[in-house]
């Protein structure tokens, strides 16, 4: 898995992101410029359910 940079605000305890949203964000960042992976692939890589992928994406969009 490649090394990725994330904003420190994502890691802080005051972040509004759930642990699942953070895992999804890290998984998505790890793909870099590769083609967009399937929901099933992101779920597997992030260690969350497919349903949690959709929840996490909604939260990530909301939080910007």
PDB file of N, CA and C in Angstrom:
ATOM      1  N   UNK A   1       0.849  -1.168   0.000  1.00  0.00           N
ATOM      2  CA  UNK A   1       0.000   0.000   0.000  1.00  0.00           C
ATOM      3  C   UNK A   1       0.898   1.235   0.000  1.00  0.00           C
ATOM      4  N   UNK A   2       0.585   2.213  -0.833  1.00  0.00           N
ATOM      5  CA  UNK A   2       1.419   3.407  -0.913  1.00  0.00           C
ATOM      6  C   UNK A   2       1.264   4.296   0.309  1.00  0.00           C
ATOM      7  N   UNK A   3       2.238   5.162   0.498  1.00  0.00           N
ATOM      8  CA  UNK A   3       2.172   6.150   1.561  1.00  0.00           C
ATOM      9  C   UNK A   3       1.322   7.318   1.088  1.00  0.00           C
ATOM     10  N   UNK A   4       0.435   7.807   1.969  1.00  0.00           N
ATOM     11  CA  UNK A   4      -0.426   8.940   1.622  1.00  0.00           C
ATOM     12  C   UNK A   4      -0.325  10.006   2.699  1.00  0.00           C
ATOM     13  N   UNK A   5      -0.594  11.235   2.308  1.00  0.00           N
ATOM     14  CA  UNK A   5      -0.630  12.347   3.258  1.00  0.00           C
ATOM     15  C   UNK A   5      -2.079  12.723   3.505  1.00  0.00           C
ATOM     16  N   UNK A   6      -2.406  12.944   4.767  1.00  0.00           N
ATOM     17  CA  UNK A   6      -3.752  13.388   5.105  1.00  0.00           C
ATOM     18  C   UNK A   6      -3.647  14.614   6.001  1.00  0.00           C
ATOM     19  N   UNK A   7      -4.639  15.480   5.956  1.00  0.00           N
ATOM     20  CA  UNK A   7      -4.621  16.648   6.837  1.00  0.00           C
ATOM     21  C   UNK A   7      -4.680  16.204   8.298  1.00  0.00           C
ATOM     22  N   UNK A   8      -3.912  16.863   9.142  1.00  0.00           N
ATOM     23  CA  UNK A   8      -3.863  16.493  10.560  1.00  0.00           C
ATOM     24  C   UNK A   8      -5.221  16.657  11.230  1.00  0.00           C
ATOM     25  N   UNK A   9      -6.051  17.557  10.731  1.00  0.00           N
ATOM     26  CA  UNK A   9      -7.380  17.760  11.316  1.00  0.00           C
ATOM     27  C   UNK A   9      -8.231  16.493  11.273  1.00  0.00           C
ATOM     28  N   UNK A  10      -7.975  15.656  10.290  1.00  0.00           N
ATOM     29  CA  UNK A  10      -8.722  14.402  10.172  1.00  0.00           C
ATOM     30  C   UNK A  10      -8.399  13.473  11.339  1.00  0.00           C
ATOM     31  N   UNK A  11      -7.186  13.547  11.829  1.00  0.00           N
ATOM     32  CA  UNK A  11      -6.734  12.647  12.893  1.00  0.00           C
ATOM     33  C   UNK A  11      -7.054  13.153  14.294  1.00  0.00           C
ATOM     34  N   UNK A  12      -7.305  14.402  14.442  1.00  0.00           N
ATOM     35  CA  UNK A  12      -7.543  14.973  15.770  1.00  0.00           C
ATOM     36  C   UNK A  12      -8.829  14.439  16.381  1.00  0.00           C
ATOM     37  N   UNK A  13      -8.849  14.400  17.698  1.00  0.00           N
ATOM     38  CA  UNK A  13     -10.011  13.856  18.406  1.00  0.00           C
ATOM     39  C   UNK A  13     -11.260  14.711  18.208  1.00  0.00           C
ATOM     40  N   UNK A  14     -11.111  15.985  17.882  1.00  0.00           N
ATOM     41  CA  UNK A  14     -12.259  16.861  17.666  1.00  0.00           C
ATOM     42  C   UNK A  14     -12.884  16.711  16.298  1.00  0.00           C
ATOM     43  N   UNK A  15     -12.306  15.876  15.452  1.00  0.00           N
ATOM     44  CA  UNK A  15     -12.842  15.661  14.111  1.00  0.00           C
ATOM     45  C   UNK A  15     -14.243  15.066  14.206  1.00  0.00           C
ATOM     46  N   UNK A  16     -15.120  15.491  13.322  1.00  0.00           N
ATOM     47  CA  UNK A  16     -16.490  14.965  13.290  1.00  0.00           C
ATOM     48  C   UNK A  16     -16.587  13.666  12.508  1.00  0.00           C
ATOM     49  N   UNK A  17     -15.474  13.232  11.947  1.00  0.00           N
ATOM     50  CA  UNK A  17     -15.492  12.000  11.159  1.00  0.00           C
ATOM     51  C   UNK A  17     -15.496  10.776  12.065  1.00  0.00           C
ATOM     52  N   UNK A  18     -16.276   9.803  11.681  1.00  0.00           N
ATOM     53  CA  UNK A  18     -16.320   8.535  12.404  1.00  0.00           C
ATOM     54  C   UNK A  18     -15.081   7.722  12.063  1.00  0.00           C
ATOM     55  N   UNK A  19     -14.756   6.728  12.877  1.00  0.00           N
ATOM     56  CA  UNK A  19     -13.637   5.855  12.520  1.00  0.00           C
ATOM     57  C   UNK A  19     -13.823   5.204  11.142  1.00  0.00           C
ATOM     58  N   UNK A  20     -15.062   4.840  10.816  1.00  0.00           N
ATOM     59  CA  UNK A  20     -15.317   4.239   9.497  1.00  0.00           C
ATOM     60  C   UNK A  20     -15.040   5.241   8.382  1.00  0.00           C
ATOM     61  N   UNK A  21     -15.437   6.492   8.567  1.00  0.00           N
ATOM     62  CA  UNK A  21     -15.197   7.516   7.547  1.00  0.00           C
ATOM     63  C   UNK A  21     -13.701   7.749   7.368  1.00  0.00           C
ATOM     64  N   UNK A  22     -12.960   7.734   8.465  1.00  0.00           N
ATOM     65  CA  UNK A  22     -11.512   7.891   8.374  1.00  0.00           C
ATOM     66  C   UNK A  22     -10.884   6.719   7.626  1.00  0.00           C
ATOM     67  N   UNK A  23     -11.362   5.517   7.897  1.00  0.00           N
ATOM     68  CA  UNK A  23     -10.834   4.327   7.214  1.00  0.00           C
ATOM     69  C   UNK A  23     -11.140   4.382   5.721  1.00  0.00           C
ATOM     70  N   UNK A  24     -12.345   4.821   5.381  1.00  0.00           N
ATOM     71  CA  UNK A  24     -12.724   4.939   3.971  1.00  0.00           C
ATOM     72  C   UNK A  24     -11.872   6.004   3.288  1.00  0.00           C
ATOM     73  N   UNK A  25     -11.680   7.132   3.946  1.00  0.00           N
ATOM     74  CA  UNK A  25     -10.848   8.190   3.381  1.00  0.00           C
ATOM     75  C   UNK A  25      -9.430   7.687   3.112  1.00  0.00           C
ATOM     76  N   UNK A  26      -8.864   7.003   4.075  1.00  0.00           N
ATOM     77  CA  UNK A  26      -7.511   6.463   3.885  1.00  0.00           C
ATOM     78  C   UNK A  26      -7.460   5.453   2.747  1.00  0.00           C
ATOM     79  N   UNK A  27      -8.475   4.606   2.667  1.00  0.00           N
ATOM     80  CA  UNK A  27      -8.514   3.623   1.582  1.00  0.00           C
ATOM     81  C   UNK A  27      -8.588   4.334   0.229  1.00  0.00           C
ATOM     82  N   UNK A  28      -9.451   5.333   0.118  1.00  0.00           N
ATOM     83  CA  UNK A  28      -9.587   6.058  -1.148  1.00  0.00           C
ATOM     84  C   UNK A  28      -8.300   6.792  -1.505  1.00  0.00           C
ATOM     85  N   UNK A  29      -7.669   7.409  -0.523  1.00  0.00           N
ATOM     86  CA  UNK A  29      -6.412   8.109  -0.784  1.00  0.00           C
ATOM     87  C   UNK A  29      -5.314   7.151  -1.241  1.00  0.00           C
ATOM     88  N   UNK A  30      -5.368   5.926  -0.753  1.00  0.00           N
ATOM     89  CA  UNK A  30      -4.317   4.964  -1.098  1.00  0.00           C
ATOM     90  C   UNK A  30      -4.349   4.554  -2.566  1.00  0.00           C
ATOM     91  N   UNK A  31      -5.473   4.779  -3.244  1.00  0.00           N
ATOM     92  CA  UNK A  31      -5.563   4.406  -4.655  1.00  0.00           C
ATOM     93  C   UNK A  31      -4.884   5.423  -5.560  1.00  0.00           C
ATOM     94  N   UNK A  32      -4.591   6.602  -5.038  1.00  0.00           N
ATOM     95  CA  UNK A  32      -3.911   7.624  -5.830  1.00  0.00           C
ATOM     96  C   UNK A  32      -4.667   7.944  -7.105  1.00  0.00           C
ATOM     97  N   UNK A  33      -3.984   7.865  -8.224  1.00  0.00           N
ATOM     98  CA  UNK A  33      -4.592   8.184  -9.517  1.00  0.00           C
ATOM     99  C   UNK A  33      -5.129   6.960 -10.241  1.00  0.00           C
ATOM    100  N   UNK A  34      -5.212   5.849  -9.537  1.00  0.00           N
ATOM    101  CA  UNK A  34      -5.739   4.623 -10.144  1.00  0.00           C
ATOM    102  C   UNK A  34      -7.235   4.801 -10.427  1.00  0.00           C
ATOM    103  N   UNK A  35      -7.790   3.981 -11.295  1.00  0.00           N
ATOM    104  CA  UNK A  35      -9.231   4.060 -11.549  1.00  0.00           C
ATOM    105  C   UNK A  35     -10.023   3.885 -10.250  1.00  0.00           C
ATOM    106  N   UNK A  36     -11.169   4.505 -10.192  1.00  0.00           N
ATOM    107  CA  UNK A  36     -12.003   4.428  -8.995  1.00  0.00           C
ATOM    108  C   UNK A  36     -12.374   2.976  -8.707  1.00  0.00           C
ATOM    109  N   UNK A  37     -12.102   2.513  -7.497  1.00  0.00           N
ATOM    110  CA  UNK A  37     -12.404   1.121  -7.147  1.00  0.00           C
ATOM    111  C   UNK A  37     -13.898   0.931  -6.867  1.00  0.00           C
ATOM    112  N   UNK A  38     -14.307  -0.308  -6.848  1.00  0.00           N
ATOM    113  CA  UNK A  38     -15.696  -0.621  -6.536  1.00  0.00           C
ATOM    114  C   UNK A  38     -15.963  -0.416  -5.049  1.00  0.00           C
ATOM    115  N   UNK A  39     -17.221  -0.290  -4.712  1.00  0.00           N
ATOM    116  CA  UNK A  39     -17.621  -0.156  -3.304  1.00  0.00           C
ATOM    117  C   UNK A  39     -17.171  -1.386  -2.530  1.00  0.00           C
ATOM    118  N   UNK A  40     -17.305  -2.552  -3.125  1.00  0.00           N
ATOM    119  CA  UNK A  40     -16.894  -3.786  -2.455  1.00  0.00           C
ATOM    120  C   UNK A  40     -15.401  -3.771  -2.154  1.00  0.00           C
ATOM    121  N   UNK A  41     -14.602  -3.260  -3.091  1.00  0.00           N
ATOM    122  CA  UNK A  41     -13.154  -3.204  -2.889  1.00  0.00           C
ATOM    123  C   UNK A  41     -12.786  -2.225  -1.777  1.00  0.00           C
ATOM    124  N   UNK A  42     -13.418  -1.057  -1.770  1.00  0.00           N
ATOM    125  CA  UNK A  42     -13.158  -0.071  -0.716  1.00  0.00           C
ATOM    126  C   UNK A  42     -13.577  -0.631   0.632  1.00  0.00           C
ATOM    127  N   UNK A  43     -14.721  -1.304   0.674  1.00  0.00           N
ATOM    128  CA  UNK A  43     -15.199  -1.899   1.925  1.00  0.00           C
ATOM    129  C   UNK A  43     -14.191  -2.917   2.447  1.00  0.00           C
ATOM    130  N   UNK A  44     -13.673  -3.731   1.562  1.00  0.00           N
ATOM    131  CA  UNK A  44     -12.686  -4.730   1.965  1.00  0.00           C
ATOM    132  C   UNK A  44     -11.407  -4.064   2.476  1.00  0.00           C
ATOM    133  N   UNK A  45     -10.924  -3.078   1.739  1.00  0.00           N
ATOM    134  CA  UNK A  45      -9.682  -2.405   2.118  1.00  0.00           C
ATOM    135  C   UNK A  45      -9.825  -1.587   3.400  1.00  0.00           C
ATOM    136  N   UNK A  46     -11.002  -0.995   3.610  1.00  0.00           N
ATOM    137  CA  UNK A  46     -11.228  -0.163   4.797  1.00  0.00           C
ATOM    138  C   UNK A  46     -11.666  -0.994   6.000  1.00  0.00           C
ATOM    139  N   UNK A  47     -12.079  -2.234   5.752  1.00  0.00           N
ATOM    140  CA  UNK A  47     -12.515  -3.087   6.849  1.00  0.00           C
ATOM    141  C   UNK A  47     -13.885  -2.720   7.398  1.00  0.00           C
ATOM    142  N   UNK A  48     -14.740  -2.203   6.509  1.00  0.00           N
ATOM    143  CA  UNK A  48     -16.104  -1.837   6.914  1.00  0.00           C
ATOM    144  C   UNK A  48     -17.098  -2.457   5.943  1.00  0.00           C
ATOM    145  N   UNK A  49     -18.374  -2.411   6.316  1.00  0.00           N
ATOM    146  CA  UNK A  49     -19.406  -2.975   5.447  1.00  0.00           C
ATOM    147  C   UNK A  49     -19.668  -2.048   4.262  1.00  0.00           C
ATOM    148  N   UNK A  50     -20.302  -2.609   3.246  1.00  0.00           N
ATOM    149  CA  UNK A  50     -20.653  -1.799   2.078  1.00  0.00           C
ATOM    150  C   UNK A  50     -21.591  -0.673   2.477  1.00  0.00           C
ATOM    151  N   UNK A  51     -22.524  -0.950   3.374  1.00  0.00           N
ATOM    152  CA  UNK A  51     -23.455   0.094   3.837  1.00  0.00           C
ATOM    153  C   UNK A  51     -22.693   1.229   4.513  1.00  0.00           C
ATOM    154  N   UNK A  52     -21.665   0.889   5.286  1.00  0.00           N
ATOM    155  CA  UNK A  52     -20.877   1.926   5.947  1.00  0.00           C
ATOM    156  C   UNK A  52     -20.071   2.760   4.958  1.00  0.00           C
ATOM    157  N   UNK A  53     -19.768   2.210   3.795  1.00  0.00           N
ATOM    158  CA  UNK A  53     -19.092   2.996   2.760  1.00  0.00           C
ATOM    159  C   UNK A  53     -19.988   4.164   2.354  1.00  0.00           C
ATOM    160  N   UNK A  54     -21.263   3.886   2.101  1.00  0.00           N
ATOM    161  CA  UNK A  54     -22.194   4.943   1.690  1.00  0.00           C
ATOM    162  C   UNK A  54     -22.377   5.980   2.799  1.00  0.00           C
ATOM    163  N   UNK A  55     -22.477   5.528   4.038  1.00  0.00           N
ATOM    164  CA  UNK A  55     -22.591   6.465   5.166  1.00  0.00           C
ATOM    165  C   UNK A  55     -21.338   7.329   5.276  1.00  0.00           C
ATOM    166  N   UNK A  56     -20.183   6.689   5.147  1.00  0.00           N
ATOM    167  CA  UNK A  56     -18.916   7.418   5.258  1.00  0.00           C
ATOM    168  C   UNK A  56     -18.772   8.432   4.131  1.00  0.00           C
ATOM    169  N   UNK A  57     -19.128   8.055   2.909  1.00  0.00           N
ATOM    170  CA  UNK A  57     -19.033   8.988   1.784  1.00  0.00           C
ATOM    171  C   UNK A  57     -19.950  10.186   1.984  1.00  0.00           C
ATOM    172  N   UNK A  58     -21.147   9.960   2.504  1.00  0.00           N
ATOM    173  CA  UNK A  58     -22.065  11.063   2.779  1.00  0.00           C
ATOM    174  C   UNK A  58     -21.473  12.001   3.829  1.00  0.00           C
ATOM    175  N   UNK A  59     -20.891  11.429   4.872  1.00  0.00           N
ATOM    176  CA  UNK A  59     -20.282  12.241   5.924  1.00  0.00           C
ATOM    177  C   UNK A  59     -19.063  13.002   5.391  1.00  0.00           C
ATOM    178  N   UNK A  60     -18.246  12.348   4.594  1.00  0.00           N
ATOM    179  CA  UNK A  60     -17.082  13.021   4.012  1.00  0.00           C
ATOM    180  C   UNK A  60     -17.500  14.178   3.119  1.00  0.00           C
ATOM    181  N   UNK A  61     -18.558  13.991   2.332  1.00  0.00           N
ATOM    182  CA  UNK A  61     -19.051  15.081   1.495  1.00  0.00           C
ATOM    183  C   UNK A  61     -19.564  16.237   2.356  1.00  0.00           C
ATOM    184  N   UNK A  62     -20.297  15.894   3.398  1.00  0.00           N
ATOM    185  CA  UNK A  62     -20.868  16.919   4.287  1.00  0.00           C
ATOM    186  C   UNK A  62     -19.776  17.722   4.985  1.00  0.00           C
ATOM    187  N   UNK A  63     -18.739  17.041   5.441  1.00  0.00           N
ATOM    188  CA  UNK A  63     -17.669  17.703   6.193  1.00  0.00           C
ATOM    189  C   UNK A  63     -16.639  18.375   5.281  1.00  0.00           C
ATOM    190  N   UNK A  64     -16.752  18.099   3.989  1.00  0.00           N
ATOM    191  CA  UNK A  64     -15.863  18.751   3.034  1.00  0.00           C
ATOM    192  C   UNK A  64     -14.522  18.149   3.004  1.00  0.00           C
TER     193      UNK A  64
END
